[in-house]
């Protein structure tokens, strides 16, 4: 019987470390390849073995579970590397989503690379990409910035790093901190477009989109329950005022001719060179 192009049979799972994406809510979002690897694994590494046990149990998979998180990682790392050297299949999963994205695992993958061991990604669910899909904000360039800091001062300092970044920014946030965090975003970044995505792929999935001022005022976002992803649109282009242009021209005319100053500022502001040149001549006449 010829092989189907739409449902290829599973391939043998070779020894190595597999970073396996797991569902972020809906258990049916697991991939066929993820199930193949989990069934073939000699051991499954998990941040929370109880959560991992529920996932494996849903698919009737019984495997040894080994806790791997920021605390246990240094202690179990030598054991994991020994298993890999012995030719075992080691699957690393996160509580939800793609491993290493705001989850432990970087040190393990780095150590496996240094030891010349095989490492394979098994892609799948990601709350970052799911939020980008439904936020309705630019996706051609984006930055994932993880969780915001707990305290207001630290959070505002953190957000200031993105003020002039011309990309969409994706952040994780908790329900109790959401209102304060949105308020800080408005104060630091201005009233830009944003989206609050909650409980993605779950029964009560919501996506509230609008300007930050509207999101801050929305009573439904005061302290919502569940896991939250905030997507911030890039800063909007604002036309420079005449005062801004005049100030820049006066500064430029201290060292440049009107023609040179007009050429430079036309490139910066995206305005006709002729208009800026005429304004430069008027400013020169007033001196």
C-alpha atoms as a PDB file:
ATOM      1  CA  UNK A   1       0.000   0.000   0.000  1.00  0.00           C
ATOM      2  CA  UNK A   2       1.553   3.364  -1.016  1.00  0.00           C
ATOM      3  CA  UNK A   3       2.555   5.807   1.722  1.00  0.00           C
ATOM      4  CA  UNK A   4       0.019   8.592   2.248  1.00  0.00           C
ATOM      5  CA  UNK A   5       1.299  12.129   1.783  1.00  0.00           C
ATOM      6  CA  UNK A   6      -1.217  13.376   4.325  1.00  0.00           C
ATOM      7  CA  UNK A   7      -0.576  10.917   7.133  1.00  0.00           C
ATOM      8  CA  UNK A   8       2.996   9.643   6.927  1.00  0.00           C
ATOM      9  CA  UNK A   9       3.824   6.800   9.297  1.00  0.00           C
ATOM     10  CA  UNK A  10       5.918   7.605  12.369  1.00  0.00           C
ATOM     11  CA  UNK A  11       9.674   7.410  11.962  1.00  0.00           C
ATOM     12  CA  UNK A  12      11.910   5.664  14.479  1.00  0.00           C
ATOM     13  CA  UNK A  13      12.906   8.028  17.276  1.00  0.00           C
ATOM     14  CA  UNK A  14      16.687   8.272  17.377  1.00  0.00           C
ATOM     15  CA  UNK A  15      18.603   8.729  20.641  1.00  0.00           C
ATOM     16  CA  UNK A  16      19.012  12.302  21.779  1.00  0.00           C
ATOM     17  CA  UNK A  17      17.476  15.216  23.661  1.00  0.00           C
ATOM     18  CA  UNK A  18      14.046  16.280  22.412  1.00  0.00           C
ATOM     19  CA  UNK A  19      12.546  19.652  23.351  1.00  0.00           C
ATOM     20  CA  UNK A  20       8.852  18.801  23.069  1.00  0.00           C
ATOM     21  CA  UNK A  21       6.140  21.473  22.895  1.00  0.00           C
ATOM     22  CA  UNK A  22       2.991  20.639  24.852  1.00  0.00           C
ATOM     23  CA  UNK A  23      -0.542  22.122  24.801  1.00  0.00           C
ATOM     24  CA  UNK A  24      -1.068  25.507  26.480  1.00  0.00           C
ATOM     25  CA  UNK A  25      -4.662  24.660  27.378  1.00  0.00           C
ATOM     26  CA  UNK A  26      -6.526  22.421  24.972  1.00  0.00           C
ATOM     27  CA  UNK A  27      -5.041  18.922  25.236  1.00  0.00           C
ATOM     28  CA  UNK A  28      -5.893  18.202  21.601  1.00  0.00           C
ATOM     29  CA  UNK A  29      -3.241  20.711  20.515  1.00  0.00           C
ATOM     30  CA  UNK A  30      -0.458  18.172  21.031  1.00  0.00           C
ATOM     31  CA  UNK A  31       1.219  17.052  17.798  1.00  0.00           C
ATOM     32  CA  UNK A  32       1.561  13.523  16.447  1.00  0.00           C
ATOM     33  CA  UNK A  33       5.352  13.842  16.547  1.00  0.00           C
ATOM     34  CA  UNK A  34       5.232  14.917  20.187  1.00  0.00           C
ATOM     35  CA  UNK A  35       3.267  11.765  21.025  1.00  0.00           C
ATOM     36  CA  UNK A  36       5.735   9.617  19.045  1.00  0.00           C
ATOM     37  CA  UNK A  37       8.662  11.037  21.046  1.00  0.00           C
ATOM     38  CA  UNK A  38       6.929  10.787  24.424  1.00  0.00           C
ATOM     39  CA  UNK A  39       6.016   7.159  23.752  1.00  0.00           C
ATOM     40  CA  UNK A  40       9.612   6.371  22.758  1.00  0.00           C
ATOM     41  CA  UNK A  41      11.242   8.311  25.612  1.00  0.00           C
ATOM     42  CA  UNK A  42      13.327   6.558  28.239  1.00  0.00           C
ATOM     43  CA  UNK A  43      12.685   9.459  30.601  1.00  0.00           C
ATOM     44  CA  UNK A  44      10.621  12.675  30.511  1.00  0.00           C
ATOM     45  CA  UNK A  45      12.031  15.848  32.091  1.00  0.00           C
ATOM     46  CA  UNK A  46       9.398  18.143  33.534  1.00  0.00           C
ATOM     47  CA  UNK A  47       9.290  21.358  35.526  1.00  0.00           C
ATOM     48  CA  UNK A  48       6.295  19.990  37.470  1.00  0.00           C
ATOM     49  CA  UNK A  49       6.027  16.187  37.388  1.00  0.00           C
ATOM     50  CA  UNK A  50       2.384  16.352  38.507  1.00  0.00           C
ATOM     51  CA  UNK A  51       1.429  18.444  35.490  1.00  0.00           C
ATOM     52  CA  UNK A  52       3.456  16.158  33.252  1.00  0.00           C
ATOM     53  CA  UNK A  53       1.744  13.114  34.733  1.00  0.00           C
ATOM     54  CA  UNK A  54      -1.687  14.511  33.830  1.00  0.00           C
ATOM     55  CA  UNK A  55      -0.604  15.151  30.244  1.00  0.00           C
ATOM     56  CA  UNK A  56       0.915  11.698  29.792  1.00  0.00           C
ATOM     57  CA  UNK A  57      -2.071  10.082  31.480  1.00  0.00           C
ATOM     58  CA  UNK A  58      -4.449  11.761  29.024  1.00  0.00           C
ATOM     59  CA  UNK A  59      -2.705   9.833  26.237  1.00  0.00           C
ATOM     60  CA  UNK A  60      -2.137   6.640  28.247  1.00  0.00           C
ATOM     61  CA  UNK A  61       1.644   7.096  28.242  1.00  0.00           C
ATOM     62  CA  UNK A  62       3.557   5.712  31.224  1.00  0.00           C
ATOM     63  CA  UNK A  63       7.148   6.947  31.485  1.00  0.00           C
ATOM     64  CA  UNK A  64       9.628   7.734  34.266  1.00  0.00           C
ATOM     65  CA  UNK A  65       9.408  11.421  35.170  1.00  0.00           C
ATOM     66  CA  UNK A  66      12.397  13.445  36.336  1.00  0.00           C
ATOM     67  CA  UNK A  67      12.043  16.924  37.807  1.00  0.00           C
ATOM     68  CA  UNK A  68      14.068  19.503  35.910  1.00  0.00           C
ATOM     69  CA  UNK A  69      13.745  23.133  36.950  1.00  0.00           C
ATOM     70  CA  UNK A  70      15.978  25.998  38.058  1.00  0.00           C
ATOM     71  CA  UNK A  71      16.482  24.415  41.473  1.00  0.00           C
ATOM     72  CA  UNK A  72      16.886  20.745  40.580  1.00  0.00           C
ATOM     73  CA  UNK A  73      18.627  21.344  37.254  1.00  0.00           C
ATOM     74  CA  UNK A  74      22.255  21.547  38.441  1.00  0.00           C
ATOM     75  CA  UNK A  75      21.889  18.354  40.483  1.00  0.00           C
ATOM     76  CA  UNK A  76      20.270  16.214  37.764  1.00  0.00           C
ATOM     77  CA  UNK A  77      22.212  17.601  34.785  1.00  0.00           C
ATOM     78  CA  UNK A  78      25.091  15.055  35.054  1.00  0.00           C
ATOM     79  CA  UNK A  79      22.563  12.195  35.200  1.00  0.00           C
ATOM     80  CA  UNK A  80      20.759  13.489  32.099  1.00  0.00           C
ATOM     81  CA  UNK A  81      23.998  13.820  30.138  1.00  0.00           C
ATOM     82  CA  UNK A  82      24.961  10.261  31.141  1.00  0.00           C
ATOM     83  CA  UNK A  83      21.623   9.003  29.844  1.00  0.00           C
ATOM     84  CA  UNK A  84      22.178  10.797  26.549  1.00  0.00           C
ATOM     85  CA  UNK A  85      25.689   9.379  26.214  1.00  0.00           C
ATOM     86  CA  UNK A  86      24.224   5.906  26.777  1.00  0.00           C
ATOM     87  CA  UNK A  87      21.978   6.394  23.745  1.00  0.00           C
ATOM     88  CA  UNK A  88      18.701   7.078  25.518  1.00  0.00           C
ATOM     89  CA  UNK A  89      15.785   9.184  24.291  1.00  0.00           C
ATOM     90  CA  UNK A  90      15.276  12.083  26.701  1.00  0.00           C
ATOM     91  CA  UNK A  91      12.172  14.262  26.261  1.00  0.00           C
ATOM     92  CA  UNK A  92      12.033  17.667  27.894  1.00  0.00           C
ATOM     93  CA  UNK A  93       8.619  19.280  28.286  1.00  0.00           C
ATOM     94  CA  UNK A  94       7.348  22.455  29.915  1.00  0.00           C
ATOM     95  CA  UNK A  95       4.198  22.789  32.017  1.00  0.00           C
ATOM     96  CA  UNK A  96       2.582  24.317  28.924  1.00  0.00           C
ATOM     97  CA  UNK A  97       3.878  25.419  25.557  1.00  0.00           C
ATOM     98  CA  UNK A  98       7.342  25.304  24.080  1.00  0.00           C
ATOM     99  CA  UNK A  99      10.258  24.422  26.400  1.00  0.00           C
ATOM    100  CA  UNK A 100      12.910  27.087  27.102  1.00  0.00           C
ATOM    101  CA  UNK A 101      10.485  29.964  26.398  1.00  0.00           C
ATOM    102  CA  UNK A 102      10.378  31.553  29.876  1.00  0.00           C
ATOM    103  CA  UNK A 103      11.107  28.042  31.174  1.00  0.00           C
ATOM    104  CA  UNK A 104      14.200  26.179  32.407  1.00  0.00           C
ATOM    105  CA  UNK A 105      16.307  24.314  29.862  1.00  0.00           C
ATOM    106  CA  UNK A 106      18.896  26.663  28.427  1.00  0.00           C
ATOM    107  CA  UNK A 107      21.724  25.173  30.506  1.00  0.00           C
ATOM    108  CA  UNK A 108      20.756  21.637  29.560  1.00  0.00           C
ATOM    109  CA  UNK A 109      20.679  22.371  25.834  1.00  0.00           C
ATOM    110  CA  UNK A 110      23.978  24.260  26.115  1.00  0.00           C
ATOM    111  CA  UNK A 111      25.603  21.338  27.952  1.00  0.00           C
ATOM    112  CA  UNK A 112      24.259  18.860  25.387  1.00  0.00           C
ATOM    113  CA  UNK A 113      25.730  20.964  22.579  1.00  0.00           C
ATOM    114  CA  UNK A 114      29.076  21.152  24.363  1.00  0.00           C
ATOM    115  CA  UNK A 115      29.066  17.359  24.759  1.00  0.00           C
ATOM    116  CA  UNK A 116      28.355  16.823  21.057  1.00  0.00           C
ATOM    117  CA  UNK A 117      24.989  15.164  21.714  1.00  0.00           C
ATOM    118  CA  UNK A 118      21.956  15.148  19.422  1.00  0.00           C
ATOM    119  CA  UNK A 119      19.252  17.764  20.113  1.00  0.00           C
ATOM    120  CA  UNK A 120      15.914  17.920  18.304  1.00  0.00           C
ATOM    121  CA  UNK A 121      13.071  20.476  18.480  1.00  0.00           C
ATOM    122  CA  UNK A 122       9.515  19.140  18.377  1.00  0.00           C
ATOM    123  CA  UNK A 123       7.517  22.293  17.659  1.00  0.00           C
ATOM    124  CA  UNK A 124       3.938  22.880  18.686  1.00  0.00           C
ATOM    125  CA  UNK A 125       1.823  25.147  20.850  1.00  0.00           C
ATOM    126  CA  UNK A 126       3.168  28.555  21.935  1.00  0.00           C
ATOM    127  CA  UNK A 127       1.208  31.230  23.776  1.00  0.00           C
ATOM    128  CA  UNK A 128       3.486  33.883  22.246  1.00  0.00           C
ATOM    129  CA  UNK A 129       2.575  32.928  18.678  1.00  0.00           C
ATOM    130  CA  UNK A 130      -1.063  32.250  19.545  1.00  0.00           C
ATOM    131  CA  UNK A 131      -1.410  35.768  20.987  1.00  0.00           C
ATOM    132  CA  UNK A 132       0.276  37.341  17.963  1.00  0.00           C
ATOM    133  CA  UNK A 133      -2.164  35.513  15.677  1.00  0.00           C
ATOM    134  CA  UNK A 134      -5.266  37.063  17.250  1.00  0.00           C
ATOM    135  CA  UNK A 135      -3.971  40.451  18.476  1.00  0.00           C
ATOM    136  CA  UNK A 136      -4.355  42.184  15.113  1.00  0.00           C
ATOM    137  CA  UNK A 137      -1.034  43.990  15.529  1.00  0.00           C
ATOM    138  CA  UNK A 138       2.036  43.975  13.234  1.00  0.00           C
ATOM    139  CA  UNK A 139       3.804  40.605  13.180  1.00  0.00           C
ATOM    140  CA  UNK A 140       6.560  41.239  10.630  1.00  0.00           C
ATOM    141  CA  UNK A 141       8.902  42.145  13.512  1.00  0.00           C
ATOM    142  CA  UNK A 142       8.287  41.315  17.156  1.00  0.00           C
ATOM    143  CA  UNK A 143      10.164  40.889  20.409  1.00  0.00           C
ATOM    144  CA  UNK A 144       9.306  38.507  23.240  1.00  0.00           C
ATOM    145  CA  UNK A 145      10.224  40.097  26.579  1.00  0.00           C
ATOM    146  CA  UNK A 146       8.899  37.536  29.085  1.00  0.00           C
ATOM    147  CA  UNK A 147       7.359  38.520  32.423  1.00  0.00           C
ATOM    148  CA  UNK A 148       7.389  42.131  33.596  1.00  0.00           C
ATOM    149  CA  UNK A 149       9.041  42.900  36.985  1.00  0.00           C
ATOM    150  CA  UNK A 150       6.861  42.864  40.104  1.00  0.00           C
ATOM    151  CA  UNK A 151       7.593  46.345  41.444  1.00  0.00           C
ATOM    152  CA  UNK A 152       6.431  49.590  39.802  1.00  0.00           C
ATOM    153  CA  UNK A 153       9.845  51.284  39.611  1.00  0.00           C
ATOM    154  CA  UNK A 154      11.559  48.228  38.172  1.00  0.00           C
ATOM    155  CA  UNK A 155       8.680  47.638  35.771  1.00  0.00           C
ATOM    156  CA  UNK A 156       8.736  51.205  34.455  1.00  0.00           C
ATOM    157  CA  UNK A 157      12.503  51.027  33.975  1.00  0.00           C
ATOM    158  CA  UNK A 158      12.040  47.727  32.153  1.00  0.00           C
ATOM    159  CA  UNK A 159       9.317  49.119  29.871  1.00  0.00           C
ATOM    160  CA  UNK A 160      11.388  52.199  29.023  1.00  0.00           C
ATOM    161  CA  UNK A 161      13.779  49.913  27.145  1.00  0.00           C
ATOM    162  CA  UNK A 162      11.059  49.362  24.518  1.00  0.00           C
ATOM    163  CA  UNK A 163       9.922  52.983  24.140  1.00  0.00           C
ATOM    164  CA  UNK A 164      11.620  53.614  20.802  1.00  0.00           C
ATOM    165  CA  UNK A 165      11.750  49.991  19.639  1.00  0.00           C
ATOM    166  CA  UNK A 166       9.971  49.859  16.265  1.00  0.00           C
ATOM    167  CA  UNK A 167       8.548  46.369  16.796  1.00  0.00           C
ATOM    168  CA  UNK A 168       5.593  44.673  18.415  1.00  0.00           C
ATOM    169  CA  UNK A 169       6.429  43.517  21.971  1.00  0.00           C
ATOM    170  CA  UNK A 170       4.953  40.401  23.604  1.00  0.00           C
ATOM    171  CA  UNK A 171       4.865  40.150  27.410  1.00  0.00           C
ATOM    172  CA  UNK A 172       3.606  37.686  30.008  1.00  0.00           C
ATOM    173  CA  UNK A 173       1.609  39.038  32.942  1.00  0.00           C
ATOM    174  CA  UNK A 174      -0.404  37.768  35.902  1.00  0.00           C
ATOM    175  CA  UNK A 175      -4.014  38.695  36.627  1.00  0.00           C
ATOM    176  CA  UNK A 176      -3.444  40.502  39.950  1.00  0.00           C
ATOM    177  CA  UNK A 177      -0.704  42.674  38.409  1.00  0.00           C
ATOM    178  CA  UNK A 178      -2.387  43.315  35.054  1.00  0.00           C
ATOM    179  CA  UNK A 179      -4.036  46.676  35.815  1.00  0.00           C
ATOM    180  CA  UNK A 180      -0.901  48.165  37.384  1.00  0.00           C
ATOM    181  CA  UNK A 181       1.185  46.842  34.522  1.00  0.00           C
ATOM    182  CA  UNK A 182      -1.124  48.306  31.854  1.00  0.00           C
ATOM    183  CA  UNK A 183      -1.091  51.638  33.725  1.00  0.00           C
ATOM    184  CA  UNK A 184       2.714  51.660  33.682  1.00  0.00           C
ATOM    185  CA  UNK A 185       2.722  50.801  29.981  1.00  0.00           C
ATOM    186  CA  UNK A 186       0.453  53.781  29.289  1.00  0.00           C
ATOM    187  CA  UNK A 187       2.612  56.111  31.390  1.00  0.00           C
ATOM    188  CA  UNK A 188       5.931  54.984  29.914  1.00  0.00           C
ATOM    189  CA  UNK A 189       5.079  54.047  26.325  1.00  0.00           C
ATOM    190  CA  UNK A 190       2.177  56.349  25.524  1.00  0.00           C
ATOM    191  CA  UNK A 191      -1.324  55.520  24.342  1.00  0.00           C
ATOM    192  CA  UNK A 192      -0.478  52.904  21.734  1.00  0.00           C
ATOM    193  CA  UNK A 193      -2.511  49.967  20.413  1.00  0.00           C
ATOM    194  CA  UNK A 194      -2.353  46.777  22.479  1.00  0.00           C
ATOM    195  CA  UNK A 195      -4.155  43.510  23.124  1.00  0.00           C
ATOM    196  CA  UNK A 196      -4.721  41.485  26.295  1.00  0.00           C
ATOM    197  CA  UNK A 197      -5.037  37.773  25.497  1.00  0.00           C
ATOM    198  CA  UNK A 198      -6.255  35.519  28.302  1.00  0.00           C
ATOM    199  CA  UNK A 199      -6.676  31.755  28.708  1.00  0.00           C
ATOM    200  CA  UNK A 200      -5.584  31.044  25.134  1.00  0.00           C
ATOM    201  CA  UNK A 201      -7.023  27.803  23.658  1.00  0.00           C
ATOM    202  CA  UNK A 202      -9.093  27.263  26.821  1.00  0.00           C
ATOM    203  CA  UNK A 203     -12.863  27.424  27.369  1.00  0.00           C
ATOM    204  CA  UNK A 204     -12.898  31.080  28.476  1.00  0.00           C
ATOM    205  CA  UNK A 205     -10.384  32.398  25.931  1.00  0.00           C
ATOM    206  CA  UNK A 206     -10.631  36.167  25.435  1.00  0.00           C
ATOM    207  CA  UNK A 207      -8.758  38.829  23.494  1.00  0.00           C
ATOM    208  CA  UNK A 208      -9.442  42.476  24.347  1.00  0.00           C
ATOM    209  CA  UNK A 209      -7.903  44.893  21.873  1.00  0.00           C
ATOM    210  CA  UNK A 210      -7.672  48.689  21.949  1.00  0.00           C
ATOM    211  CA  UNK A 211      -5.548  51.608  23.033  1.00  0.00           C
ATOM    212  CA  UNK A 212      -3.806  51.283  26.374  1.00  0.00           C
ATOM    213  CA  UNK A 213      -5.997  54.039  27.834  1.00  0.00           C
ATOM    214  CA  UNK A 214      -9.113  51.992  27.035  1.00  0.00           C
ATOM    215  CA  UNK A 215      -7.591  48.788  28.407  1.00  0.00           C
ATOM    216  CA  UNK A 216      -6.616  50.529  31.663  1.00  0.00           C
ATOM    217  CA  UNK A 217     -10.208  51.770  32.043  1.00  0.00           C
ATOM    218  CA  UNK A 218     -11.808  48.390  31.256  1.00  0.00           C
ATOM    219  CA  UNK A 219     -13.257  46.946  34.513  1.00  0.00           C
ATOM    220  CA  UNK A 220     -12.972  43.423  33.108  1.00  0.00           C
ATOM    221  CA  UNK A 221      -9.176  43.806  33.160  1.00  0.00           C
ATOM    222  CA  UNK A 222      -8.792  44.953  36.763  1.00  0.00           C
ATOM    223  CA  UNK A 223      -7.746  41.532  38.070  1.00  0.00           C
ATOM    224  CA  UNK A 224      -8.770  38.786  35.634  1.00  0.00           C
ATOM    225  CA  UNK A 225      -8.049  35.156  36.377  1.00  0.00           C
ATOM    226  CA  UNK A 226      -5.941  32.888  34.214  1.00  0.00           C
ATOM    227  CA  UNK A 227      -2.758  33.175  32.227  1.00  0.00           C
ATOM    228  CA  UNK A 228      -2.291  36.407  30.292  1.00  0.00           C
ATOM    229  CA  UNK A 229      -0.258  37.519  27.294  1.00  0.00           C
ATOM    230  CA  UNK A 230      -0.043  41.248  26.520  1.00  0.00           C
ATOM    231  CA  UNK A 231       0.817  42.307  22.974  1.00  0.00           C
ATOM    232  CA  UNK A 232       2.001  45.909  22.522  1.00  0.00           C
ATOM    233  CA  UNK A 233       1.949  47.505  19.106  1.00  0.00           C
ATOM    234  CA  UNK A 234       4.976  49.464  17.905  1.00  0.00           C
ATOM    235  CA  UNK A 235       5.136  53.238  18.475  1.00  0.00           C
ATOM    236  CA  UNK A 236       3.110  55.167  15.948  1.00  0.00           C
ATOM    237  CA  UNK A 237       4.714  57.635  13.560  1.00  0.00           C
ATOM    238  CA  UNK A 238       3.834  61.165  14.648  1.00  0.00           C
ATOM    239  CA  UNK A 239       4.282  64.078  12.253  1.00  0.00           C
ATOM    240  CA  UNK A 240       6.803  66.581  13.638  1.00  0.00           C
ATOM    241  CA  UNK A 241       5.432  69.981  14.617  1.00  0.00           C
ATOM    242  CA  UNK A 242       6.714  73.189  13.040  1.00  0.00           C
ATOM    243  CA  UNK A 243       8.367  74.056  16.358  1.00  0.00           C
ATOM    244  CA  UNK A 244      10.243  70.726  16.284  1.00  0.00           C
ATOM    245  CA  UNK A 245      11.452  71.387  12.737  1.00  0.00           C
ATOM    246  CA  UNK A 246      12.458  74.982  13.512  1.00  0.00           C
ATOM    247  CA  UNK A 247      14.402  73.886  16.567  1.00  0.00           C
ATOM    248  CA  UNK A 248      16.222  71.216  14.568  1.00  0.00           C
ATOM    249  CA  UNK A 249      16.917  73.704  11.754  1.00  0.00           C
ATOM    250  CA  UNK A 250      18.385  76.321  14.087  1.00  0.00           C
ATOM    251  CA  UNK A 251      20.714  73.724  15.535  1.00  0.00           C
ATOM    252  CA  UNK A 252      21.736  72.450  12.079  1.00  0.00           C
ATOM    253  CA  UNK A 253      22.305  75.972  10.700  1.00  0.00           C
ATOM    254  CA  UNK A 254      24.994  76.580  13.307  1.00  0.00           C
ATOM    255  CA  UNK A 255      27.326  74.291  11.352  1.00  0.00           C
ATOM    256  CA  UNK A 256      25.642  73.704   7.972  1.00  0.00           C
ATOM    257  CA  UNK A 257      24.488  75.835   5.066  1.00  0.00           C
ATOM    258  CA  UNK A 258      20.713  76.125   4.474  1.00  0.00           C
ATOM    259  CA  UNK A 259      21.001  73.678   1.583  1.00  0.00           C
ATOM    260  CA  UNK A 260      22.935  71.115   3.641  1.00  0.00           C
ATOM    261  CA  UNK A 261      20.626  71.512   6.636  1.00  0.00           C
ATOM    262  CA  UNK A 262      17.547  71.044   4.434  1.00  0.00           C
ATOM    263  CA  UNK A 263      19.016  67.896   2.878  1.00  0.00           C
ATOM    264  CA  UNK A 264      19.782  66.388   6.276  1.00  0.00           C
ATOM    265  CA  UNK A 265      16.415  67.162   7.906  1.00  0.00           C
ATOM    266  CA  UNK A 266      14.447  66.056   4.842  1.00  0.00           C
ATOM    267  CA  UNK A 267      15.967  62.603   5.274  1.00  0.00           C
ATOM    268  CA  UNK A 268      15.262  62.539   9.012  1.00  0.00           C
ATOM    269  CA  UNK A 269      11.640  63.710   8.870  1.00  0.00           C
ATOM    270  CA  UNK A 270      10.667  62.355   5.462  1.00  0.00           C
ATOM    271  CA  UNK A 271       9.494  65.810   4.306  1.00  0.00           C
ATOM    272  CA  UNK A 272      10.104  67.633   0.987  1.00  0.00           C
ATOM    273  CA  UNK A 273      13.580  69.164   0.911  1.00  0.00           C
ATOM    274  CA  UNK A 274      12.267  72.298  -0.830  1.00  0.00           C
ATOM    275  CA  UNK A 275       9.875  73.130   2.021  1.00  0.00           C
ATOM    276  CA  UNK A 276      12.569  72.739   4.662  1.00  0.00           C
ATOM    277  CA  UNK A 277      15.040  74.744   2.575  1.00  0.00           C
ATOM    278  CA  UNK A 278      12.585  77.661   2.266  1.00  0.00           C
ATOM    279  CA  UNK A 279      12.006  77.576   6.008  1.00  0.00           C
ATOM    280  CA  UNK A 280      15.773  77.557   6.598  1.00  0.00           C
ATOM    281  CA  UNK A 281      16.161  80.707   4.463  1.00  0.00           C
ATOM    282  CA  UNK A 282      13.442  82.490   6.460  1.00  0.00           C
ATOM    283  CA  UNK A 283      15.118  81.584   9.753  1.00  0.00           C
ATOM    284  CA  UNK A 284      18.423  82.849   8.388  1.00  0.00           C
ATOM    285  CA  UNK A 285      16.812  86.183   7.393  1.00  0.00           C
ATOM    286  CA  UNK A 286      15.397  86.636  10.909  1.00  0.00           C
ATOM    287  CA  UNK A 287      18.825  86.303  12.519  1.00  0.00           C
END
